[in-house]
Amino acid sequence: MIIDRAKTEDVPAITALLRQVLEVHAKLRPDIFIPGTVKYGGDELRRIIEEGPEQVFVAKDGGGNTLGHLFAVFEETGGGNLYPRKTLYIDDICVDESARGQGVATALYEFAVKFAKENGCYNITLNVWEGNDPAKSFYEKMGMFVRKTQMEQILD
């Protein structure tokens, strides 16, 4: 498996993965996510890959087939009563349904850790939707823990 920066020719494969992610989220929160859509359209995804600020990586097998992707962005925090910190926020990790259980997510996460360390980050953060127990379990196995809990009340 090879993990490298995404290129514009990866847009169709990344879009297919984004559809898979969306469907997981739409099943969990149909009040928020619109089934059949994607987070980024083709032109916006091309711009992100070419210009950032998100860092986009793809995992491919030896034949060049895309197995998964990683979207991450650097965040700077601090000031007031907070120490300054550089964080790598993982916006999205997705493994193609046909490649799950083959270590792709682990490889992408470990790549993110190495990338964060190489870029002077203090930590890695991400969000997991409540009810996405497989994702939460995976990240806990990778060494992550709950930092804070965001709560909500839906108003009529």
N, C-alpha and C. Protein backbone atom coordinates (compact mmCIF):
# COMPACT_ATOMS: atom_id res chain seq x y z
N MET A 1 0.85 -1.18 0.00
CA MET A 1 0.00 0.00 0.00
C MET A 1 0.89 1.24 0.00
N ILE A 2 0.49 2.21 -0.79
CA ILE A 2 1.21 3.48 -0.89
C ILE A 2 0.25 4.60 -0.48
N ILE A 3 0.73 5.48 0.41
CA ILE A 3 -0.04 6.66 0.81
C ILE A 3 0.73 7.87 0.32
N ASP A 4 0.04 8.70 -0.45
CA ASP A 4 0.68 9.87 -1.03
C ASP A 4 -0.34 10.99 -1.17
N ARG A 5 0.15 12.18 -1.44
CA ARG A 5 -0.75 13.32 -1.67
C ARG A 5 -1.69 13.02 -2.83
N ALA A 6 -2.92 13.44 -2.67
CA ALA A 6 -3.90 13.28 -3.74
C ALA A 6 -3.55 14.20 -4.89
N LYS A 7 -3.91 13.75 -6.09
CA LYS A 7 -3.74 14.55 -7.31
C LYS A 7 -5.12 14.75 -7.92
N THR A 8 -5.22 15.69 -8.83
CA THR A 8 -6.54 15.98 -9.42
C THR A 8 -7.13 14.75 -10.11
N GLU A 9 -6.28 13.87 -10.62
CA GLU A 9 -6.83 12.66 -11.27
C GLU A 9 -7.44 11.69 -10.25
N ASP A 10 -7.24 11.94 -8.95
CA ASP A 10 -7.84 11.11 -7.91
C ASP A 10 -9.25 11.55 -7.55
N VAL A 11 -9.71 12.68 -8.10
CA VAL A 11 -11.00 13.25 -7.73
C VAL A 11 -12.15 12.24 -7.88
N PRO A 12 -12.29 11.50 -8.99
CA PRO A 12 -13.42 10.56 -9.07
C PRO A 12 -13.40 9.50 -7.95
N ALA A 13 -12.25 8.95 -7.65
CA ALA A 13 -12.16 7.93 -6.60
C ALA A 13 -12.45 8.53 -5.22
N ILE A 14 -11.94 9.74 -4.97
CA ILE A 14 -12.20 10.40 -3.69
C ILE A 14 -13.68 10.73 -3.57
N THR A 15 -14.29 11.17 -4.66
CA THR A 15 -15.72 11.48 -4.65
C THR A 15 -16.54 10.24 -4.30
N ALA A 16 -16.16 9.09 -4.84
CA ALA A 16 -16.86 7.84 -4.51
C ALA A 16 -16.72 7.53 -3.03
N LEU A 17 -15.55 7.76 -2.46
CA LEU A 17 -15.36 7.54 -1.03
C LEU A 17 -16.17 8.53 -0.21
N LEU A 18 -16.20 9.78 -0.64
CA LEU A 18 -17.00 10.78 0.08
C LEU A 18 -18.48 10.40 0.09
N ARG A 19 -18.95 9.76 -0.98
CA ARG A 19 -20.34 9.28 -1.01
C ARG A 19 -20.56 8.22 0.05
N GLN A 20 -19.60 7.32 0.20
CA GLN A 20 -19.71 6.27 1.21
C GLN A 20 -19.77 6.87 2.62
N VAL A 21 -18.91 7.85 2.88
CA VAL A 21 -18.91 8.52 4.19
C VAL A 21 -20.25 9.18 4.44
N LEU A 22 -20.74 9.88 3.43
CA LEU A 22 -22.01 10.60 3.58
C LEU A 22 -23.14 9.65 3.93
N GLU A 23 -23.17 8.51 3.29
CA GLU A 23 -24.26 7.56 3.56
C GLU A 23 -24.21 7.03 4.99
N VAL A 24 -23.03 6.81 5.52
CA VAL A 24 -22.90 6.40 6.93
C VAL A 24 -23.48 7.49 7.82
N HIS A 25 -23.10 8.73 7.55
CA HIS A 25 -23.57 9.84 8.36
C HIS A 25 -25.07 10.08 8.18
N ALA A 26 -25.56 9.92 6.97
CA ALA A 26 -26.99 10.14 6.70
C ALA A 26 -27.85 9.11 7.43
N LYS A 27 -27.34 7.89 7.60
CA LYS A 27 -28.08 6.88 8.35
C LYS A 27 -28.11 7.23 9.84
N LEU A 28 -27.01 7.78 10.33
CA LEU A 28 -26.94 8.17 11.74
C LEU A 28 -27.76 9.41 12.03
N ARG A 29 -27.67 10.41 11.14
CA ARG A 29 -28.32 11.70 11.36
C ARG A 29 -29.03 12.17 10.09
N PRO A 30 -30.16 11.52 9.77
CA PRO A 30 -30.91 11.93 8.57
C PRO A 30 -31.49 13.34 8.68
N ASP A 31 -31.49 13.90 9.88
CA ASP A 31 -31.96 15.28 10.06
C ASP A 31 -30.90 16.30 9.67
N ILE A 32 -29.66 15.85 9.48
CA ILE A 32 -28.57 16.75 9.14
C ILE A 32 -28.03 16.50 7.73
N PHE A 33 -27.77 15.23 7.42
CA PHE A 33 -27.10 14.88 6.16
C PHE A 33 -28.10 14.48 5.08
N ILE A 34 -27.89 14.97 3.87
CA ILE A 34 -28.78 14.71 2.74
C ILE A 34 -28.23 13.52 1.97
N PRO A 35 -28.97 12.40 1.95
CA PRO A 35 -28.49 11.21 1.21
C PRO A 35 -28.25 11.53 -0.26
N GLY A 36 -27.26 10.84 -0.84
CA GLY A 36 -26.98 11.00 -2.26
C GLY A 36 -26.14 12.22 -2.61
N THR A 37 -25.67 12.94 -1.59
CA THR A 37 -24.85 14.12 -1.84
C THR A 37 -23.40 13.82 -1.44
N VAL A 38 -22.53 14.79 -1.68
CA VAL A 38 -21.14 14.69 -1.22
C VAL A 38 -20.74 16.00 -0.58
N LYS A 39 -19.72 15.95 0.24
CA LYS A 39 -19.23 17.12 0.96
C LYS A 39 -18.65 18.17 0.02
N TYR A 40 -17.91 17.71 -0.99
CA TYR A 40 -17.27 18.61 -1.94
C TYR A 40 -17.60 18.18 -3.36
N GLY A 41 -17.97 19.16 -4.21
CA GLY A 41 -18.13 18.89 -5.63
C GLY A 41 -16.77 18.75 -6.29
N GLY A 42 -16.76 18.29 -7.52
CA GLY A 42 -15.51 18.04 -8.24
C GLY A 42 -14.59 19.24 -8.33
N ASP A 43 -15.13 20.41 -8.70
CA ASP A 43 -14.29 21.60 -8.83
C ASP A 43 -13.73 22.03 -7.48
N GLU A 44 -14.56 21.98 -6.44
CA GLU A 44 -14.10 22.37 -5.11
C GLU A 44 -13.04 21.38 -4.61
N LEU A 45 -13.25 20.11 -4.88
CA LEU A 45 -12.27 19.10 -4.47
C LEU A 45 -10.94 19.29 -5.20
N ARG A 46 -11.00 19.59 -6.49
CA ARG A 46 -9.77 19.88 -7.24
C ARG A 46 -9.03 21.08 -6.64
N ARG A 47 -9.77 22.12 -6.29
CA ARG A 47 -9.17 23.31 -5.70
C ARG A 47 -8.51 22.96 -4.36
N ILE A 48 -9.19 22.19 -3.54
CA ILE A 48 -8.63 21.80 -2.24
C ILE A 48 -7.34 21.01 -2.44
N ILE A 49 -7.35 20.07 -3.37
CA ILE A 49 -6.15 19.26 -3.63
C ILE A 49 -5.00 20.14 -4.11
N GLU A 50 -5.30 21.09 -4.98
CA GLU A 50 -4.25 21.94 -5.55
C GLU A 50 -3.80 23.06 -4.63
N GLU A 51 -4.72 23.62 -3.84
CA GLU A 51 -4.41 24.84 -3.10
C GLU A 51 -4.53 24.72 -1.58
N GLY A 52 -5.22 23.70 -1.09
CA GLY A 52 -5.43 23.59 0.36
C GLY A 52 -6.59 24.45 0.82
N PRO A 53 -6.70 24.76 2.09
CA PRO A 53 -5.72 24.50 3.14
C PRO A 53 -5.70 23.05 3.62
N GLU A 54 -6.71 22.28 3.26
CA GLU A 54 -6.71 20.88 3.70
C GLU A 54 -5.62 20.10 2.99
N GLN A 55 -5.05 19.18 3.71
CA GLN A 55 -4.08 18.24 3.17
C GLN A 55 -4.87 16.98 2.81
N VAL A 56 -4.76 16.53 1.57
CA VAL A 56 -5.52 15.37 1.13
C VAL A 56 -4.54 14.30 0.67
N PHE A 57 -4.72 13.09 1.22
CA PHE A 57 -3.86 11.96 0.88
C PHE A 57 -4.74 10.79 0.47
N VAL A 58 -4.20 9.93 -0.38
CA VAL A 58 -4.90 8.72 -0.79
C VAL A 58 -4.02 7.51 -0.52
N ALA A 59 -4.67 6.42 -0.17
CA ALA A 59 -3.99 5.13 -0.01
C ALA A 59 -4.36 4.29 -1.24
N LYS A 60 -3.34 3.74 -1.89
CA LYS A 60 -3.57 2.94 -3.09
C LYS A 60 -2.86 1.60 -2.96
N ASP A 61 -3.43 0.61 -3.63
CA ASP A 61 -2.77 -0.69 -3.67
C ASP A 61 -1.72 -0.68 -4.77
N GLY A 62 -1.02 -1.80 -4.93
CA GLY A 62 0.04 -1.88 -5.92
C GLY A 62 -0.42 -1.68 -7.35
N GLY A 63 -1.71 -1.89 -7.60
CA GLY A 63 -2.26 -1.69 -8.94
C GLY A 63 -2.78 -0.30 -9.19
N GLY A 64 -2.64 0.59 -8.20
CA GLY A 64 -3.11 1.97 -8.37
C GLY A 64 -4.56 2.20 -8.01
N ASN A 65 -5.21 1.19 -7.44
CA ASN A 65 -6.61 1.34 -7.02
C ASN A 65 -6.68 2.09 -5.69
N THR A 66 -7.56 3.07 -5.60
CA THR A 66 -7.70 3.86 -4.39
C THR A 66 -8.45 3.05 -3.34
N LEU A 67 -7.82 2.89 -2.19
CA LEU A 67 -8.39 2.12 -1.08
C LEU A 67 -9.01 3.01 -0.01
N GLY A 68 -8.51 4.24 0.10
CA GLY A 68 -9.01 5.15 1.12
C GLY A 68 -8.42 6.53 0.98
N HIS A 69 -8.93 7.44 1.79
CA HIS A 69 -8.40 8.80 1.77
C HIS A 69 -8.30 9.35 3.19
N LEU A 70 -7.53 10.42 3.30
CA LEU A 70 -7.34 11.16 4.55
C LEU A 70 -7.40 12.64 4.22
N PHE A 71 -8.30 13.37 4.87
CA PHE A 71 -8.36 14.82 4.77
C PHE A 71 -7.95 15.36 6.14
N ALA A 72 -6.99 16.27 6.17
CA ALA A 72 -6.55 16.85 7.43
C ALA A 72 -6.19 18.31 7.22
N VAL A 73 -6.25 19.07 8.29
CA VAL A 73 -5.92 20.49 8.22
C VAL A 73 -5.20 20.90 9.50
N PHE A 74 -4.22 21.78 9.36
CA PHE A 74 -3.51 22.29 10.53
C PHE A 74 -4.35 23.38 11.17
N GLU A 75 -4.41 23.37 12.50
CA GLU A 75 -5.10 24.40 13.25
C GLU A 75 -4.15 24.96 14.30
N GLU A 76 -4.16 26.26 14.46
CA GLU A 76 -3.36 26.93 15.48
C GLU A 76 -4.32 27.43 16.55
N THR A 77 -4.03 27.09 17.80
CA THR A 77 -4.86 27.54 18.91
C THR A 77 -3.98 28.20 19.95
N GLY A 78 -4.60 28.86 20.88
CA GLY A 78 -3.87 29.49 21.98
C GLY A 78 -4.31 30.91 22.17
N GLY A 79 -3.75 31.51 23.18
CA GLY A 79 -4.13 32.88 23.52
C GLY A 79 -5.00 32.88 24.75
N GLY A 80 -5.07 34.02 25.40
CA GLY A 80 -5.85 34.10 26.63
C GLY A 80 -5.27 33.15 27.66
N ASN A 81 -6.06 32.20 28.09
CA ASN A 81 -5.61 31.25 29.10
C ASN A 81 -5.17 29.91 28.50
N LEU A 82 -4.99 29.85 27.18
CA LEU A 82 -4.61 28.60 26.52
C LEU A 82 -3.19 28.68 25.99
N TYR A 83 -2.44 27.61 26.17
CA TYR A 83 -1.11 27.54 25.59
C TYR A 83 -1.22 27.48 24.07
N PRO A 84 -0.30 28.07 23.36
CA PRO A 84 -0.32 27.96 21.90
C PRO A 84 -0.03 26.51 21.49
N ARG A 85 -0.78 26.03 20.54
CA ARG A 85 -0.64 24.66 20.07
C ARG A 85 -0.90 24.59 18.57
N LYS A 86 -0.17 23.70 17.91
CA LYS A 86 -0.45 23.37 16.52
C LYS A 86 -1.04 21.97 16.53
N THR A 87 -2.20 21.83 15.91
CA THR A 87 -2.95 20.59 15.90
C THR A 87 -3.16 20.13 14.47
N LEU A 88 -3.14 18.84 14.25
CA LEU A 88 -3.59 18.29 12.97
C LEU A 88 -5.01 17.77 13.21
N TYR A 89 -5.97 18.44 12.60
CA TYR A 89 -7.37 18.03 12.70
C TYR A 89 -7.68 17.11 11.53
N ILE A 90 -8.07 15.88 11.83
CA ILE A 90 -8.47 14.94 10.79
C ILE A 90 -9.94 15.21 10.47
N ASP A 91 -10.17 15.72 9.29
CA ASP A 91 -11.53 16.03 8.86
C ASP A 91 -12.24 14.79 8.36
N ASP A 92 -11.48 13.85 7.81
CA ASP A 92 -12.13 12.68 7.22
C ASP A 92 -11.10 11.59 6.96
N ILE A 93 -11.42 10.39 7.39
CA ILE A 93 -10.72 9.18 6.95
C ILE A 93 -11.80 8.26 6.43
N CYS A 94 -11.61 7.76 5.24
CA CYS A 94 -12.56 6.80 4.69
C CYS A 94 -11.81 5.68 4.00
N VAL A 95 -12.27 4.47 4.23
CA VAL A 95 -11.75 3.29 3.55
C VAL A 95 -12.88 2.73 2.69
N ASP A 96 -12.57 2.44 1.44
CA ASP A 96 -13.57 1.86 0.54
C ASP A 96 -14.15 0.60 1.16
N GLU A 97 -15.46 0.44 1.00
CA GLU A 97 -16.15 -0.73 1.57
C GLU A 97 -15.47 -2.04 1.19
N SER A 98 -14.95 -2.12 -0.02
CA SER A 98 -14.33 -3.36 -0.49
C SER A 98 -12.95 -3.61 0.12
N ALA A 99 -12.38 -2.60 0.78
CA ALA A 99 -11.03 -2.73 1.34
C ALA A 99 -11.02 -2.73 2.87
N ARG A 100 -12.19 -2.72 3.48
CA ARG A 100 -12.24 -2.67 4.94
C ARG A 100 -11.73 -3.97 5.55
N GLY A 101 -11.11 -3.85 6.70
CA GLY A 101 -10.56 -5.01 7.39
C GLY A 101 -9.18 -5.42 6.89
N GLN A 102 -8.57 -4.60 6.04
CA GLN A 102 -7.26 -4.92 5.46
C GLN A 102 -6.15 -4.02 5.99
N GLY A 103 -6.42 -3.24 7.04
CA GLY A 103 -5.40 -2.40 7.63
C GLY A 103 -5.25 -1.03 6.99
N VAL A 104 -6.15 -0.66 6.09
CA VAL A 104 -6.04 0.62 5.40
C VAL A 104 -6.25 1.78 6.37
N ALA A 105 -7.28 1.69 7.20
CA ALA A 105 -7.54 2.78 8.15
C ALA A 105 -6.38 2.94 9.12
N THR A 106 -5.84 1.83 9.58
CA THR A 106 -4.69 1.90 10.49
C THR A 106 -3.51 2.57 9.80
N ALA A 107 -3.25 2.20 8.55
CA ALA A 107 -2.14 2.80 7.80
C ALA A 107 -2.37 4.30 7.61
N LEU A 108 -3.59 4.70 7.28
CA LEU A 108 -3.89 6.13 7.11
C LEU A 108 -3.73 6.88 8.43
N TYR A 109 -4.21 6.30 9.52
CA TYR A 109 -4.09 6.97 10.81
C TYR A 109 -2.62 7.09 11.22
N GLU A 110 -1.86 6.01 11.07
CA GLU A 110 -0.44 6.06 11.41
C GLU A 110 0.31 7.05 10.54
N PHE A 111 -0.09 7.16 9.28
CA PHE A 111 0.48 8.17 8.38
C PHE A 111 0.18 9.57 8.93
N ALA A 112 -1.05 9.79 9.39
CA ALA A 112 -1.43 11.09 9.94
C ALA A 112 -0.59 11.43 11.17
N VAL A 113 -0.34 10.44 12.03
CA VAL A 113 0.47 10.67 13.22
C VAL A 113 1.89 11.09 12.82
N LYS A 114 2.47 10.36 11.88
CA LYS A 114 3.83 10.68 11.41
C LYS A 114 3.85 12.08 10.78
N PHE A 115 2.87 12.36 9.94
CA PHE A 115 2.77 13.66 9.28
C PHE A 115 2.65 14.79 10.31
N ALA A 116 1.83 14.57 11.33
CA ALA A 116 1.65 15.58 12.38
C ALA A 116 2.96 15.82 13.13
N LYS A 117 3.64 14.76 13.48
CA LYS A 117 4.92 14.90 14.20
C LYS A 117 5.94 15.64 13.34
N GLU A 118 6.02 15.27 12.06
CA GLU A 118 6.97 15.92 11.15
C GLU A 118 6.69 17.42 11.00
N ASN A 119 5.45 17.82 11.24
CA ASN A 119 5.06 19.21 11.07
C ASN A 119 4.90 19.95 12.40
N GLY A 120 5.47 19.37 13.46
CA GLY A 120 5.52 20.06 14.73
C GLY A 120 4.21 20.18 15.48
N CYS A 121 3.31 19.26 15.26
CA CYS A 121 2.01 19.31 15.95
C CYS A 121 2.11 18.77 17.37
N TYR A 122 1.31 19.33 18.24
CA TYR A 122 1.19 18.88 19.62
C TYR A 122 0.27 17.67 19.71
N ASN A 123 -0.78 17.66 18.87
CA ASN A 123 -1.78 16.60 18.95
C ASN A 123 -2.52 16.44 17.63
N ILE A 124 -3.38 15.42 17.63
CA ILE A 124 -4.30 15.16 16.52
C ILE A 124 -5.70 15.17 17.12
N THR A 125 -6.62 15.80 16.42
CA THR A 125 -8.01 15.77 16.86
C THR A 125 -8.90 15.35 15.70
N LEU A 126 -10.10 14.92 16.03
CA LEU A 126 -11.12 14.61 15.03
C LEU A 126 -12.46 14.54 15.73
N ASN A 127 -13.50 14.47 14.96
CA ASN A 127 -14.85 14.32 15.48
C ASN A 127 -15.42 12.98 15.01
N VAL A 128 -16.18 12.35 15.89
CA VAL A 128 -16.90 11.12 15.55
C VAL A 128 -18.36 11.36 15.91
N TRP A 129 -19.25 11.12 14.97
CA TRP A 129 -20.67 11.30 15.23
C TRP A 129 -21.15 10.26 16.23
N GLU A 130 -21.96 10.70 17.16
CA GLU A 130 -22.56 9.78 18.13
C GLU A 130 -23.32 8.69 17.36
N GLY A 131 -23.11 7.47 17.78
CA GLY A 131 -23.74 6.33 17.10
C GLY A 131 -22.82 5.64 16.11
N ASN A 132 -21.71 6.29 15.74
CA ASN A 132 -20.75 5.66 14.83
C ASN A 132 -19.74 4.87 15.69
N ASP A 133 -20.27 3.82 16.32
CA ASP A 133 -19.48 3.04 17.27
C ASP A 133 -18.26 2.37 16.64
N PRO A 134 -18.34 1.86 15.40
CA PRO A 134 -17.12 1.27 14.81
C PRO A 134 -15.98 2.29 14.68
N ALA A 135 -16.31 3.52 14.27
CA ALA A 135 -15.27 4.55 14.14
C ALA A 135 -14.71 4.90 15.51
N LYS A 136 -15.59 5.09 16.49
CA LYS A 136 -15.13 5.45 17.83
C LYS A 136 -14.23 4.35 18.39
N SER A 137 -14.61 3.12 18.23
CA SER A 137 -13.81 2.00 18.72
C SER A 137 -12.44 1.96 18.03
N PHE A 138 -12.43 2.18 16.71
CA PHE A 138 -11.18 2.19 15.97
C PHE A 138 -10.23 3.26 16.51
N TYR A 139 -10.74 4.48 16.67
CA TYR A 139 -9.88 5.57 17.12
C TYR A 139 -9.39 5.35 18.55
N GLU A 140 -10.21 4.75 19.39
CA GLU A 140 -9.76 4.42 20.74
C GLU A 140 -8.63 3.39 20.68
N LYS A 141 -8.73 2.42 19.78
CA LYS A 141 -7.66 1.43 19.62
C LYS A 141 -6.37 2.09 19.13
N MET A 142 -6.49 3.19 18.40
CA MET A 142 -5.33 3.92 17.91
C MET A 142 -4.71 4.79 19.00
N GLY A 143 -5.36 4.87 20.16
CA GLY A 143 -4.82 5.64 21.27
C GLY A 143 -5.52 6.96 21.54
N MET A 144 -6.57 7.25 20.80
CA MET A 144 -7.30 8.50 21.02
C MET A 144 -8.24 8.35 22.22
N PHE A 145 -8.59 9.48 22.80
CA PHE A 145 -9.53 9.50 23.92
C PHE A 145 -10.42 10.72 23.78
N VAL A 146 -11.54 10.71 24.48
CA VAL A 146 -12.48 11.82 24.41
C VAL A 146 -11.85 13.03 25.08
N ARG A 147 -11.79 14.12 24.35
CA ARG A 147 -11.23 15.37 24.85
C ARG A 147 -12.31 16.24 25.47
N LYS A 148 -13.43 16.34 24.79
CA LYS A 148 -14.59 17.07 25.30
C LYS A 148 -15.82 16.50 24.60
N THR A 149 -16.96 16.78 25.15
CA THR A 149 -18.21 16.29 24.59
C THR A 149 -19.06 17.47 24.15
N GLN A 150 -19.49 17.44 22.89
CA GLN A 150 -20.38 18.47 22.38
C GLN A 150 -21.80 17.93 22.50
N MET A 151 -22.67 18.70 23.09
CA MET A 151 -24.06 18.26 23.30
C MET A 151 -25.00 19.12 22.46
N GLU A 152 -26.19 18.60 22.25
CA GLU A 152 -27.17 19.34 21.46
C GLU A 152 -28.57 19.08 21.96
N GLN A 153 -29.44 20.02 21.70
CA GLN A 153 -30.88 19.86 21.90
C GLN A 153 -31.54 20.35 20.62
N ILE A 154 -32.32 19.49 19.99
CA ILE A 154 -33.02 19.88 18.76
C ILE A 154 -34.30 20.58 19.16
N LEU A 155 -34.50 21.76 18.61
CA LEU A 155 -35.67 22.57 18.93
C LEU A 155 -36.75 22.39 17.88
N ASP A 156 -37.97 22.36 18.31
CA ASP A 156 -39.10 22.21 17.38
C ASP A 156 -39.34 23.48 16.64
